[in-house]
Amino acid sequence: MKNVWKKFVAAALLCVGAHAGAAPILSIDTGSGSAQLGATVDFTIGIADVADLYGYQFTLNYDARYLRLLGGAEGGFLATGGNTYGDLGDASQAGTISYVFNSLISAVPGVSGSGALATFSFETIGVGSAALSFADVIFLDSDLEDIALGVQDAQFTVLDVPSEVPEPASILLIGAGLAGVAALRRRRPVAPA
């Protein structure tokens, strides 16, 4: 029984060590992953399991055939460490939000944990599958050293708006109404000639 506990404790320590050594992940939360044509959707850029994050920059690429940028907002994660200075990037070229950045602005430790870095709103303008990806990714700790991290790009599907087709129950009600009108018409007495 003593060997079983030793193996269990060793396995638990390995799991904790593996999780602690895992690289942070930069990702795009697309919600349900799809929406109908003409909808407004919000995509949240998030970081998971980061330690000592002091500043970051990234470029977000999206497919302008299917998505049109409406605007953006800074996420609250970095601001939990103090005052920040940032920008939601340059969106003058369709399909790219260049150099989104944010940084703490005083000599404070970086922020650790997981949270939202930014949120971008889009209008769905074309039917199809839109790829979203990162470029120019730089994350720095409070010593201004690079933070190694993983990047998860995303796909988002824009669905066609369904055409207006009457429901079977509606057709049944209309049919029943017409049958009733026909039955009433047959029952009406005929005027003598």
Protein backbone atom coordinates (compact mmCIF):
# COMPACT_ATOMS: atom_id res chain seq x y z
CA MET A 1 0.00 0.00 0.00
CA LYS A 2 2.93 2.32 0.74
CA ASN A 3 4.23 2.00 -2.86
CA VAL A 4 0.79 2.88 -4.25
CA TRP A 5 0.76 6.19 -2.32
CA LYS A 6 4.31 7.01 -3.45
CA LYS A 7 3.32 6.45 -7.08
CA PHE A 8 0.14 8.51 -6.62
CA VAL A 9 2.06 11.44 -5.08
CA ALA A 10 4.73 11.24 -7.80
CA ALA A 11 2.04 11.28 -10.53
CA ALA A 12 0.28 14.25 -8.91
CA LEU A 13 3.54 16.22 -8.70
CA LEU A 14 4.28 15.47 -12.37
CA CYS A 15 0.83 16.74 -13.38
CA VAL A 16 1.25 19.95 -11.36
CA GLY A 17 4.74 20.48 -12.77
CA ALA A 18 3.58 19.91 -16.33
CA HIS A 19 0.73 22.42 -15.91
CA ALA A 20 3.00 25.01 -14.29
CA GLY A 21 5.47 24.71 -17.17
CA ALA A 22 2.84 24.96 -19.91
CA ALA A 23 3.13 27.99 -22.18
CA PRO A 24 0.43 30.65 -22.00
CA ILE A 25 -2.11 30.57 -24.85
CA LEU A 26 -3.26 33.56 -26.90
CA SER A 27 -6.67 32.78 -28.42
CA ILE A 28 -9.78 34.15 -30.12
CA ASP A 29 -13.16 33.35 -28.55
CA THR A 30 -15.74 33.41 -31.36
CA GLY A 31 -18.67 32.46 -29.15
CA SER A 32 -20.76 29.81 -30.90
CA GLY A 33 -18.44 29.82 -33.93
CA SER A 34 -21.15 30.86 -36.37
CA ALA A 35 -23.83 33.48 -37.04
CA GLN A 36 -26.28 34.38 -39.77
CA LEU A 37 -25.57 36.91 -42.48
CA GLY A 38 -26.16 40.48 -41.26
CA ALA A 39 -25.52 39.69 -37.58
CA THR A 40 -23.20 41.59 -35.25
CA VAL A 41 -20.70 39.36 -33.45
CA ASP A 42 -18.08 40.01 -30.76
CA PHE A 43 -14.74 38.21 -30.71
CA THR A 44 -12.73 38.29 -27.48
CA ILE A 45 -8.95 38.06 -27.61
CA GLY A 46 -7.83 36.27 -24.47
CA ILE A 47 -4.69 35.07 -22.75
CA ALA A 48 -4.64 31.96 -20.57
CA ASP A 49 -2.16 30.95 -17.86
CA VAL A 50 0.30 33.81 -18.29
CA ALA A 51 2.78 34.84 -15.58
CA ASP A 52 4.13 38.39 -15.08
CA LEU A 53 2.57 39.96 -18.21
CA TYR A 54 3.66 43.61 -18.45
CA GLY A 55 2.89 44.46 -22.08
CA TYR A 56 1.86 42.95 -25.39
CA GLN A 57 1.28 43.60 -29.06
CA PHE A 58 -0.37 41.61 -31.85
CA THR A 59 -1.96 42.00 -35.26
CA LEU A 60 -5.34 40.35 -35.89
CA ASN A 61 -6.05 39.18 -39.45
CA TYR A 62 -9.62 38.38 -40.54
CA ASP A 63 -11.34 37.57 -43.83
CA ALA A 64 -12.85 40.84 -45.11
CA ARG A 65 -15.06 38.92 -47.57
CA TYR A 66 -17.15 37.69 -44.64
CA LEU A 67 -16.52 40.14 -41.78
CA ARG A 68 -16.52 43.95 -41.49
CA LEU A 69 -14.95 45.54 -38.41
CA LEU A 70 -17.31 47.78 -36.43
CA GLY A 71 -15.11 48.66 -33.45
CA GLY A 72 -13.21 47.41 -30.46
CA ALA A 73 -12.67 47.80 -26.73
CA GLU A 74 -9.77 47.15 -24.40
CA GLY A 75 -10.10 44.09 -22.19
CA GLY A 76 -9.72 44.49 -18.45
CA PHE A 77 -7.05 41.85 -17.76
CA LEU A 78 -3.87 43.96 -17.91
CA ALA A 79 -5.51 46.88 -16.06
CA THR A 80 -5.83 44.67 -12.97
CA GLY A 81 -2.10 45.34 -12.45
CA GLY A 82 -2.31 49.15 -12.56
CA ASN A 83 -2.54 52.00 -15.06
CA THR A 84 -2.11 51.05 -18.70
CA TYR A 85 -1.41 52.70 -22.04
CA GLY A 86 -2.57 51.04 -25.23
CA ASP A 87 -4.19 51.28 -28.63
CA LEU A 88 -6.70 49.10 -30.47
CA GLY A 89 -4.54 49.12 -33.59
CA ASP A 90 -4.74 50.43 -37.13
CA ALA A 91 -7.75 49.12 -39.06
CA SER A 92 -7.26 51.23 -42.20
CA GLN A 93 -6.57 48.13 -44.30
CA ALA A 94 -9.59 45.79 -44.60
CA GLY A 95 -8.85 42.37 -43.15
CA THR A 96 -6.18 43.52 -40.70
CA ILE A 97 -6.11 45.23 -37.32
CA SER A 98 -2.42 46.08 -37.11
CA TYR A 99 -0.40 46.47 -33.93
CA VAL A 100 -2.92 46.25 -31.14
CA PHE A 101 -0.91 46.95 -28.00
CA ASN A 102 -1.20 47.63 -24.27
CA SER A 103 1.30 48.03 -21.46
CA LEU A 104 1.46 48.79 -17.78
CA ILE A 105 3.04 52.24 -17.33
CA SER A 106 4.80 52.19 -13.98
CA ALA A 107 7.32 50.05 -12.14
CA VAL A 108 4.86 47.40 -11.01
CA PRO A 109 4.91 43.62 -11.31
CA GLY A 110 3.20 42.10 -14.32
CA VAL A 111 -0.21 40.46 -14.19
CA SER A 112 -0.61 36.69 -13.87
CA GLY A 113 -3.55 34.46 -14.71
CA SER A 114 -6.10 34.47 -17.53
CA GLY A 115 -8.37 37.12 -18.99
CA ALA A 116 -9.54 39.30 -21.87
CA LEU A 117 -7.05 41.54 -23.67
CA ALA A 118 -9.48 43.10 -26.18
CA THR A 119 -12.89 42.62 -27.79
CA PHE A 120 -13.65 43.39 -31.44
CA SER A 121 -17.14 43.71 -32.95
CA PHE A 122 -17.81 42.63 -36.53
CA GLU A 123 -20.76 42.59 -38.91
CA THR A 124 -21.19 39.43 -40.95
CA ILE A 125 -21.30 40.52 -44.63
CA GLY A 126 -20.73 37.35 -46.67
CA VAL A 127 -21.64 33.68 -46.46
CA GLY A 128 -18.72 31.33 -45.88
CA SER A 129 -15.96 30.35 -43.48
CA ALA A 130 -13.76 33.20 -42.20
CA ALA A 131 -10.27 32.54 -40.88
CA LEU A 132 -8.95 34.65 -38.00
CA SER A 133 -5.23 34.62 -37.19
CA PHE A 134 -2.52 36.43 -35.27
CA ALA A 135 0.72 37.99 -36.53
CA ASP A 136 3.44 40.24 -35.02
CA VAL A 137 2.87 38.72 -31.56
CA ILE A 138 5.10 40.05 -28.77
CA PHE A 139 4.42 39.51 -25.05
CA LEU A 140 6.79 40.93 -22.42
CA ASP A 141 7.23 40.37 -18.70
CA SER A 142 8.08 43.08 -16.13
CA ASP A 143 11.81 42.69 -16.95
CA LEU A 144 10.89 43.37 -20.62
CA GLU A 145 11.89 39.82 -21.53
CA ASP A 146 9.93 37.86 -24.13
CA ILE A 147 7.21 35.52 -22.86
CA ALA A 148 7.01 32.33 -24.92
CA LEU A 149 3.41 31.51 -25.70
CA GLY A 150 1.20 29.39 -27.90
CA VAL A 151 -1.21 30.93 -30.40
CA GLN A 152 -4.62 29.51 -31.31
CA ASP A 153 -6.14 30.90 -34.49
CA ALA A 154 -9.89 30.49 -35.18
CA GLN A 155 -12.53 29.87 -37.83
CA PHE A 156 -15.93 31.54 -37.94
CA THR A 157 -18.80 30.49 -40.21
CA VAL A 158 -21.31 32.96 -41.63
CA LEU A 159 -24.58 31.23 -42.47
CA ASP A 160 -27.10 32.26 -45.11
CA VAL A 161 -30.35 33.74 -43.82
CA PRO A 162 -33.08 31.10 -44.25
CA SER A 163 -35.86 32.01 -46.70
CA GLU A 164 -39.35 32.55 -45.36
CA VAL A 165 -41.11 29.19 -45.63
CA PRO A 166 -44.52 28.79 -43.99
CA GLU A 167 -44.60 26.33 -41.15
CA PRO A 168 -46.65 23.14 -41.65
CA ALA A 169 -49.02 24.15 -38.83
CA SER A 170 -49.82 27.43 -40.62
CA ILE A 171 -50.57 25.60 -43.86
CA LEU A 172 -52.81 23.18 -41.96
CA LEU A 173 -54.78 26.07 -40.39
CA ILE A 174 -55.26 27.74 -43.77
CA GLY A 175 -56.43 24.43 -45.28
CA ALA A 176 -58.88 23.84 -42.41
CA GLY A 177 -60.26 27.36 -42.85
CA LEU A 178 -60.80 26.84 -46.60
CA ALA A 179 -62.52 23.48 -45.94
CA GLY A 180 -64.82 25.20 -43.44
CA VAL A 181 -65.72 27.93 -45.93
CA ALA A 182 -66.48 25.27 -48.58
CA ALA A 183 -68.69 23.33 -46.12
CA LEU A 184 -70.63 26.49 -45.21
CA ARG A 185 -71.13 27.30 -48.87
CA ARG A 186 -72.68 23.85 -49.51
CA ARG A 187 -75.09 24.23 -46.57
CA ARG A 188 -76.41 27.59 -47.70
CA PRO A 189 -80.01 27.20 -48.90
CA VAL A 190 -80.63 27.75 -52.57
CA ALA A 191 -83.12 30.56 -53.30
CA PRO A 192 -86.30 29.36 -55.13
CA ALA A 193 -86.49 30.42 -58.73
